[in-house]
């Protein structure tokens, strides 16, 4: 009896292993982001605190260009006392890029990394750089 249970368990383990290693029989589809091939965007950057309204510290605007499941962007940002540019790329949910600003007559550039969500002609996300706070951004695109 113990021998039969061991053989059944071994066959079950072998069958499950083969089934898991076999390629799927369903056709896989690539999901594209719901963006036009090229377009513009505008929005705000600021702090969002739970249970409170967002504190806007600046604005953003620029253009984007889509590829298959990712895109590139370039734009300008402005706060009350500074302006600069930013550029980079984004995928389904991740954003990588560089942000630049003039500080004491010298252009300073920092890398940024963040998350983005795109839906119904709106976007929202959060990015961070090695210096400064992690900020939210949100707005509309066309």
N, C-alpha and C. Protein backbone atom coordinates (compact mmCIF):
# COMPACT_ATOMS: atom_id res chain seq x y z
N UNK A 1 0.82 -1.19 0.00
CA UNK A 1 0.00 0.00 0.00
C UNK A 1 0.87 1.26 0.00
N UNK A 2 1.89 1.28 0.83
CA UNK A 2 2.79 2.43 0.91
C UNK A 2 3.52 2.63 -0.41
N UNK A 3 3.82 1.53 -1.09
CA UNK A 3 4.52 1.60 -2.37
C UNK A 3 3.62 2.25 -3.42
N UNK A 4 2.31 1.92 -3.42
CA UNK A 4 1.37 2.49 -4.38
C UNK A 4 1.23 4.01 -4.17
N UNK A 5 1.17 4.44 -2.91
CA UNK A 5 1.04 5.87 -2.62
C UNK A 5 2.30 6.61 -3.08
N UNK A 6 3.46 6.04 -2.87
CA UNK A 6 4.72 6.66 -3.31
C UNK A 6 4.76 6.76 -4.82
N UNK A 7 4.31 5.73 -5.53
CA UNK A 7 4.31 5.76 -7.00
C UNK A 7 3.31 6.80 -7.51
N UNK A 8 2.14 6.87 -6.90
CA UNK A 8 1.13 7.86 -7.30
C UNK A 8 1.65 9.27 -7.07
N UNK A 9 2.28 9.52 -5.93
CA UNK A 9 2.84 10.85 -5.64
C UNK A 9 3.95 11.20 -6.62
N UNK A 10 4.79 10.24 -6.96
CA UNK A 10 5.86 10.49 -7.91
C UNK A 10 5.30 10.80 -9.29
N UNK A 11 4.28 10.05 -9.73
CA UNK A 11 3.65 10.32 -11.03
C UNK A 11 2.97 11.69 -11.03
N UNK A 12 2.30 12.02 -9.93
CA UNK A 12 1.65 13.32 -9.81
C UNK A 12 2.66 14.46 -9.87
N UNK A 13 3.77 14.31 -9.16
CA UNK A 13 4.82 15.31 -9.19
C UNK A 13 5.41 15.47 -10.58
N UNK A 14 5.65 14.37 -11.26
CA UNK A 14 6.18 14.40 -12.62
C UNK A 14 5.19 15.07 -13.57
N UNK A 15 3.91 14.73 -13.45
CA UNK A 15 2.88 15.32 -14.31
C UNK A 15 2.73 16.81 -14.11
N UNK A 16 2.74 17.25 -12.86
CA UNK A 16 2.63 18.67 -12.56
C UNK A 16 3.85 19.43 -13.07
N UNK A 17 5.02 18.83 -12.94
CA UNK A 17 6.24 19.47 -13.42
C UNK A 17 6.22 19.65 -14.93
N UNK A 18 5.78 18.63 -15.64
CA UNK A 18 5.70 18.72 -17.11
C UNK A 18 4.66 19.76 -17.52
N UNK A 19 3.51 19.76 -16.86
CA UNK A 19 2.46 20.74 -17.19
C UNK A 19 2.92 22.16 -16.93
N UNK A 20 3.67 22.38 -15.86
CA UNK A 20 4.15 23.73 -15.54
C UNK A 20 5.22 24.19 -16.52
N UNK A 21 6.02 23.26 -17.04
CA UNK A 21 7.09 23.63 -17.96
C UNK A 21 6.61 23.77 -19.39
N UNK A 22 5.46 23.22 -19.73
CA UNK A 22 4.94 23.28 -21.10
C UNK A 22 4.48 24.69 -21.41
N UNK A 23 4.66 25.14 -22.67
CA UNK A 23 4.18 26.48 -23.04
C UNK A 23 2.67 26.54 -22.98
N UNK A 24 2.16 27.71 -22.67
CA UNK A 24 0.72 27.89 -22.56
C UNK A 24 0.03 27.66 -23.89
N UNK A 25 -1.17 27.14 -23.83
CA UNK A 25 -1.93 26.88 -25.04
C UNK A 25 -2.76 28.08 -25.45
N UNK A 26 -2.89 29.07 -24.58
CA UNK A 26 -3.65 30.26 -24.92
C UNK A 26 -2.75 31.25 -25.65
N UNK A 27 -3.35 32.00 -26.53
CA UNK A 27 -2.60 33.00 -27.28
C UNK A 27 -2.38 34.22 -26.40
N UNK A 28 -1.12 34.63 -26.28
CA UNK A 28 -0.81 35.79 -25.46
C UNK A 28 -0.95 37.05 -26.31
N UNK A 29 -1.51 38.09 -25.70
CA UNK A 29 -1.64 39.37 -26.40
C UNK A 29 -0.81 40.41 -25.66
N UNK A 30 -0.30 41.36 -26.42
CA UNK A 30 0.48 42.43 -25.82
C UNK A 30 -0.47 43.58 -25.55
N UNK A 31 -0.49 44.03 -24.32
CA UNK A 31 -1.34 45.14 -23.96
C UNK A 31 -0.58 46.44 -24.13
N UNK A 32 -1.12 47.31 -24.96
CA UNK A 32 -0.48 48.60 -25.18
C UNK A 32 -1.06 49.63 -24.22
N UNK A 33 -0.27 50.65 -23.92
CA UNK A 33 -0.76 51.72 -23.06
C UNK A 33 -1.78 52.55 -23.85
N UNK A 34 -2.81 53.07 -23.20
CA UNK A 34 -3.87 53.78 -23.90
C UNK A 34 -3.48 55.22 -24.25
N UNK A 35 -2.43 55.37 -25.05
CA UNK A 35 -1.96 56.69 -25.45
C UNK A 35 -1.87 56.77 -26.96
N UNK A 36 -2.06 57.97 -27.49
CA UNK A 36 -1.85 58.20 -28.91
C UNK A 36 -0.34 58.11 -29.20
N UNK A 37 0.05 57.90 -30.47
CA UNK A 37 1.49 57.79 -30.79
C UNK A 37 2.31 59.00 -30.37
N UNK A 38 1.74 60.19 -30.46
CA UNK A 38 2.41 61.39 -29.98
C UNK A 38 1.35 62.30 -29.36
N UNK A 39 1.77 63.16 -28.47
CA UNK A 39 0.81 64.06 -27.85
C UNK A 39 1.46 65.00 -26.88
N UNK A 40 0.64 65.72 -26.17
CA UNK A 40 1.12 66.68 -25.19
C UNK A 40 0.52 66.37 -23.82
N UNK A 41 1.12 66.90 -22.79
CA UNK A 41 0.60 66.73 -21.44
C UNK A 41 0.83 68.01 -20.65
N UNK A 42 0.02 68.18 -19.64
CA UNK A 42 0.19 69.29 -18.69
C UNK A 42 -0.38 68.85 -17.35
N UNK A 43 0.22 69.36 -16.28
CA UNK A 43 -0.23 68.95 -14.97
C UNK A 43 0.46 69.69 -13.85
N UNK A 44 0.41 69.11 -12.68
CA UNK A 44 0.95 69.71 -11.46
C UNK A 44 1.91 68.75 -10.78
N UNK A 45 2.78 69.32 -9.96
CA UNK A 45 3.61 68.52 -9.06
C UNK A 45 3.38 69.04 -7.65
N UNK A 46 3.45 68.15 -6.70
CA UNK A 46 3.22 68.58 -5.33
C UNK A 46 3.20 67.44 -4.35
N UNK A 47 2.71 67.74 -3.17
CA UNK A 47 2.60 66.77 -2.09
C UNK A 47 1.16 66.36 -1.95
N UNK A 48 0.93 65.09 -1.70
CA UNK A 48 -0.41 64.60 -1.40
C UNK A 48 -0.36 63.96 -0.03
N UNK A 49 -1.15 64.46 0.85
CA UNK A 49 -1.22 63.89 2.20
C UNK A 49 -2.56 63.20 2.36
N UNK A 50 -2.54 62.06 2.98
CA UNK A 50 -3.76 61.27 3.13
C UNK A 50 -4.82 62.06 3.88
N UNK A 51 -6.00 62.09 3.30
CA UNK A 51 -7.11 62.78 3.94
C UNK A 51 -7.11 64.28 3.74
N UNK A 52 -6.16 64.81 2.98
CA UNK A 52 -6.09 66.25 2.74
C UNK A 52 -5.99 66.51 1.24
N UNK A 53 -6.25 67.75 0.85
CA UNK A 53 -6.05 68.14 -0.53
C UNK A 53 -4.57 68.21 -0.85
N UNK A 54 -4.23 68.10 -2.11
CA UNK A 54 -2.83 68.16 -2.53
C UNK A 54 -2.30 69.58 -2.39
N UNK A 55 -1.03 69.69 -2.05
CA UNK A 55 -0.34 70.97 -2.01
C UNK A 55 0.47 71.09 -3.29
N UNK A 56 0.07 71.97 -4.18
CA UNK A 56 0.73 72.13 -5.48
C UNK A 56 1.96 73.02 -5.30
N UNK A 57 3.13 72.53 -5.75
CA UNK A 57 4.34 73.32 -5.66
C UNK A 57 4.85 73.75 -7.03
N UNK A 58 4.29 73.20 -8.10
CA UNK A 58 4.74 73.58 -9.43
C UNK A 58 3.87 72.99 -10.52
N UNK A 59 4.25 73.30 -11.76
CA UNK A 59 3.52 72.82 -12.92
C UNK A 59 4.48 72.09 -13.86
N UNK A 60 3.91 71.22 -14.69
CA UNK A 60 4.68 70.52 -15.72
C UNK A 60 3.92 70.58 -17.03
N UNK A 61 4.65 70.56 -18.12
CA UNK A 61 4.05 70.49 -19.45
C UNK A 61 5.10 69.97 -20.42
N UNK A 62 4.64 69.34 -21.48
CA UNK A 62 5.59 68.82 -22.45
C UNK A 62 4.93 67.94 -23.49
N UNK A 63 5.76 67.12 -24.13
CA UNK A 63 5.30 66.22 -25.19
C UNK A 63 5.75 64.80 -24.88
N UNK A 64 5.05 63.85 -25.49
CA UNK A 64 5.44 62.45 -25.36
C UNK A 64 5.38 61.77 -26.72
N UNK A 65 6.08 60.68 -26.85
CA UNK A 65 6.11 59.87 -28.07
C UNK A 65 6.04 58.41 -27.66
N UNK A 66 5.07 57.68 -28.19
CA UNK A 66 4.87 56.29 -27.81
C UNK A 66 5.58 55.34 -28.78
N UNK A 67 5.98 54.20 -28.23
CA UNK A 67 6.44 53.05 -29.00
C UNK A 67 5.47 51.92 -28.68
N UNK A 68 5.89 50.67 -28.73
CA UNK A 68 4.96 49.56 -28.45
C UNK A 68 4.33 49.65 -27.07
N UNK A 69 5.07 49.32 -26.04
CA UNK A 69 4.53 49.34 -24.68
C UNK A 69 5.24 50.36 -23.81
N UNK A 70 5.94 51.28 -24.41
CA UNK A 70 6.67 52.29 -23.65
C UNK A 70 6.67 53.60 -24.42
N UNK A 71 7.20 54.61 -23.80
CA UNK A 71 7.22 55.91 -24.45
C UNK A 71 8.35 56.77 -23.92
N UNK A 72 8.54 57.92 -24.59
CA UNK A 72 9.53 58.91 -24.16
C UNK A 72 8.81 60.22 -23.92
N UNK A 73 9.37 61.03 -23.05
CA UNK A 73 8.77 62.34 -22.77
C UNK A 73 9.86 63.38 -22.63
N UNK A 74 9.48 64.61 -22.88
CA UNK A 74 10.34 65.76 -22.64
C UNK A 74 9.43 66.92 -22.27
N UNK A 75 9.89 67.75 -21.35
CA UNK A 75 9.02 68.83 -20.92
C UNK A 75 9.72 69.85 -20.05
N UNK A 76 8.94 70.77 -19.56
CA UNK A 76 9.40 71.85 -18.69
C UNK A 76 8.65 71.78 -17.37
N UNK A 77 9.31 72.20 -16.32
CA UNK A 77 8.67 72.31 -15.03
C UNK A 77 8.96 73.70 -14.47
N UNK A 78 8.09 74.16 -13.61
CA UNK A 78 8.26 75.48 -12.99
C UNK A 78 7.66 75.47 -11.60
N UNK A 79 8.37 76.12 -10.69
CA UNK A 79 7.84 76.35 -9.35
C UNK A 79 7.81 77.86 -9.16
N UNK A 80 7.54 78.28 -7.95
CA UNK A 80 7.46 79.70 -7.67
C UNK A 80 8.78 80.43 -7.95
N UNK A 81 9.92 79.77 -7.68
CA UNK A 81 11.20 80.46 -7.83
C UNK A 81 12.21 79.73 -8.72
N UNK A 82 11.84 78.63 -9.34
CA UNK A 82 12.78 77.89 -10.22
C UNK A 82 12.06 77.36 -11.44
N UNK A 83 12.83 77.15 -12.49
CA UNK A 83 12.33 76.49 -13.69
C UNK A 83 13.38 75.49 -14.15
N UNK A 84 12.96 74.58 -15.00
CA UNK A 84 13.89 73.60 -15.52
C UNK A 84 13.25 72.72 -16.56
N UNK A 85 13.96 71.69 -16.94
CA UNK A 85 13.48 70.74 -17.93
C UNK A 85 13.57 69.33 -17.36
N UNK A 86 12.86 68.41 -18.01
CA UNK A 86 12.97 67.01 -17.65
C UNK A 86 12.74 66.18 -18.91
N UNK A 87 13.31 64.99 -18.92
CA UNK A 87 13.14 64.08 -20.05
C UNK A 87 13.38 62.67 -19.56
N UNK A 88 12.87 61.71 -20.31
CA UNK A 88 13.06 60.33 -19.91
C UNK A 88 12.14 59.39 -20.65
N UNK A 89 11.94 58.23 -20.07
CA UNK A 89 11.09 57.22 -20.66
C UNK A 89 10.20 56.59 -19.62
N UNK A 90 9.13 55.94 -20.10
CA UNK A 90 8.21 55.28 -19.19
C UNK A 90 7.70 54.01 -19.83
N UNK A 91 7.36 53.07 -18.98
CA UNK A 91 6.75 51.82 -19.42
C UNK A 91 5.35 51.74 -18.85
N UNK A 92 4.90 50.54 -18.61
CA UNK A 92 3.55 50.39 -18.08
C UNK A 92 3.37 51.12 -16.76
N UNK A 93 4.30 50.96 -15.84
CA UNK A 93 4.13 51.59 -14.54
C UNK A 93 5.38 52.26 -14.01
N UNK A 94 6.46 52.23 -14.74
CA UNK A 94 7.72 52.79 -14.23
C UNK A 94 8.17 53.96 -15.08
N UNK A 95 8.85 54.88 -14.47
CA UNK A 95 9.33 56.09 -15.12
C UNK A 95 10.80 56.27 -14.75
N UNK A 96 11.64 56.52 -15.74
CA UNK A 96 13.06 56.79 -15.53
C UNK A 96 13.42 58.03 -16.33
N UNK A 97 14.25 58.90 -15.77
CA UNK A 97 14.60 60.10 -16.51
C UNK A 97 15.60 60.97 -15.79
N UNK A 98 15.68 62.21 -16.27
CA UNK A 98 16.59 63.20 -15.70
C UNK A 98 15.83 64.52 -15.58
N UNK A 99 16.13 65.23 -14.52
CA UNK A 99 15.52 66.54 -14.30
C UNK A 99 16.66 67.55 -14.17
N UNK A 100 16.52 68.70 -14.81
CA UNK A 100 17.57 69.72 -14.83
C UNK A 100 17.02 71.05 -14.34
N UNK A 101 17.90 71.83 -13.73
CA UNK A 101 17.54 73.17 -13.26
C UNK A 101 18.80 74.02 -13.19
N UNK A 102 18.63 75.31 -13.28
CA UNK A 102 19.74 76.25 -13.11
C UNK A 102 19.85 76.60 -11.63
N UNK A 103 21.03 76.35 -11.06
CA UNK A 103 21.29 76.66 -9.65
C UNK A 103 22.55 77.52 -9.60
N UNK A 104 22.41 78.76 -9.16
CA UNK A 104 23.54 79.70 -9.08
C UNK A 104 24.28 79.83 -10.41
N UNK A 105 23.55 79.90 -11.50
CA UNK A 105 24.15 80.07 -12.81
C UNK A 105 24.72 78.80 -13.43
N UNK A 106 24.61 77.67 -12.77
CA UNK A 106 25.11 76.41 -13.29
C UNK A 106 23.95 75.44 -13.46
N UNK A 107 23.91 74.76 -14.60
CA UNK A 107 22.85 73.78 -14.81
C UNK A 107 23.17 72.50 -14.04
N UNK A 108 22.25 72.08 -13.20
CA UNK A 108 22.39 70.85 -12.41
C UNK A 108 21.40 69.82 -12.93
N UNK A 109 21.84 68.58 -13.05
CA UNK A 109 20.99 67.50 -13.54
C UNK A 109 21.01 66.35 -12.55
N UNK A 110 19.83 65.81 -12.27
CA UNK A 110 19.70 64.67 -11.37
C UNK A 110 18.87 63.57 -12.03
N UNK A 111 19.18 62.32 -11.74
CA UNK A 111 18.33 61.23 -12.24
C UNK A 111 17.06 61.15 -11.41
N UNK A 112 15.98 60.71 -12.05
CA UNK A 112 14.73 60.49 -11.33
C UNK A 112 14.22 59.08 -11.66
N UNK A 113 13.52 58.52 -10.73
CA UNK A 113 12.86 57.23 -10.91
C UNK A 113 11.49 57.35 -10.26
N UNK A 114 10.51 56.70 -10.85
CA UNK A 114 9.18 56.82 -10.27
C UNK A 114 8.20 55.83 -10.85
N UNK A 115 6.95 56.04 -10.51
CA UNK A 115 5.86 55.20 -10.94
C UNK A 115 4.82 56.08 -11.62
N UNK A 116 4.13 55.51 -12.61
CA UNK A 116 3.13 56.27 -13.34
C UNK A 116 1.94 55.38 -13.64
N UNK A 117 0.76 56.00 -13.63
CA UNK A 117 -0.47 55.31 -14.02
C UNK A 117 -1.19 56.19 -15.02
N UNK A 118 -1.62 55.59 -16.13
CA UNK A 118 -2.26 56.32 -17.22
C UNK A 118 -3.64 55.73 -17.45
N UNK A 119 -4.67 56.60 -17.45
CA UNK A 119 -6.02 56.11 -17.65
C UNK A 119 -6.94 57.28 -18.00
N UNK A 120 -7.81 57.08 -18.99
CA UNK A 120 -8.85 58.06 -19.35
C UNK A 120 -8.31 59.47 -19.55
N UNK A 121 -7.27 59.62 -20.36
CA UNK A 121 -6.65 60.92 -20.66
C UNK A 121 -6.11 61.63 -19.42
N UNK A 122 -5.82 60.88 -18.38
CA UNK A 122 -5.21 61.44 -17.17
C UNK A 122 -4.04 60.57 -16.75
N UNK A 123 -3.11 61.17 -16.05
CA UNK A 123 -1.98 60.43 -15.51
C UNK A 123 -1.75 60.86 -14.07
N UNK A 124 -1.18 59.97 -13.31
CA UNK A 124 -0.80 60.26 -11.93
C UNK A 124 0.41 59.41 -11.61
N UNK A 125 1.29 59.93 -10.79
CA UNK A 125 2.47 59.17 -10.44
C UNK A 125 3.25 59.83 -9.33
N UNK A 126 4.39 59.24 -9.06
CA UNK A 126 5.28 59.76 -8.03
C UNK A 126 6.71 59.54 -8.48
N UNK A 127 7.56 60.53 -8.30
CA UNK A 127 8.97 60.36 -8.66
C UNK A 127 9.86 60.84 -7.53
N UNK A 128 11.08 60.35 -7.56
CA UNK A 128 12.05 60.76 -6.55
C UNK A 128 13.42 60.91 -7.19
N UNK A 129 14.24 61.73 -6.59
CA UNK A 129 15.61 61.97 -7.01
C UNK A 129 16.50 61.78 -5.79
N UNK A 130 17.82 61.69 -5.98
CA UNK A 130 18.71 61.54 -4.82
C UNK A 130 18.64 62.69 -3.82
N UNK A 131 18.27 63.88 -4.31
CA UNK A 131 18.17 65.06 -3.44
C UNK A 131 16.73 65.57 -3.50
N UNK A 132 16.19 65.91 -2.38
CA UNK A 132 14.85 66.47 -2.33
C UNK A 132 13.80 65.44 -2.00
N UNK A 133 12.58 65.92 -1.78
CA UNK A 133 11.50 65.01 -1.40
C UNK A 133 10.94 64.26 -2.60
N UNK A 134 10.27 63.16 -2.35
CA UNK A 134 9.54 62.44 -3.40
C UNK A 134 8.24 63.20 -3.65
N UNK A 135 8.00 63.57 -4.88
CA UNK A 135 6.84 64.39 -5.22
C UNK A 135 5.86 63.60 -6.08
N UNK A 136 4.60 63.94 -5.95
CA UNK A 136 3.57 63.39 -6.83
C UNK A 136 3.44 64.30 -8.04
N UNK A 137 2.95 63.73 -9.14
CA UNK A 137 2.60 64.52 -10.32
C UNK A 137 1.30 63.97 -10.88
N UNK A 138 0.50 64.83 -11.45
CA UNK A 138 -0.78 64.42 -12.01
C UNK A 138 -1.20 65.44 -13.04
N UNK A 139 -2.04 65.02 -13.97
CA UNK A 139 -2.51 65.94 -14.99
C UNK A 139 -3.24 65.23 -16.10
N UNK A 140 -3.30 65.90 -17.25
CA UNK A 140 -4.04 65.41 -18.42
C UNK A 140 -3.10 65.33 -19.61
N UNK A 141 -3.46 64.45 -20.54
CA UNK A 141 -2.71 64.35 -21.79
C UNK A 141 -3.67 64.31 -22.97
N UNK A 142 -3.18 64.75 -24.10
CA UNK A 142 -3.99 64.71 -25.34
C UNK A 142 -3.21 64.08 -26.46
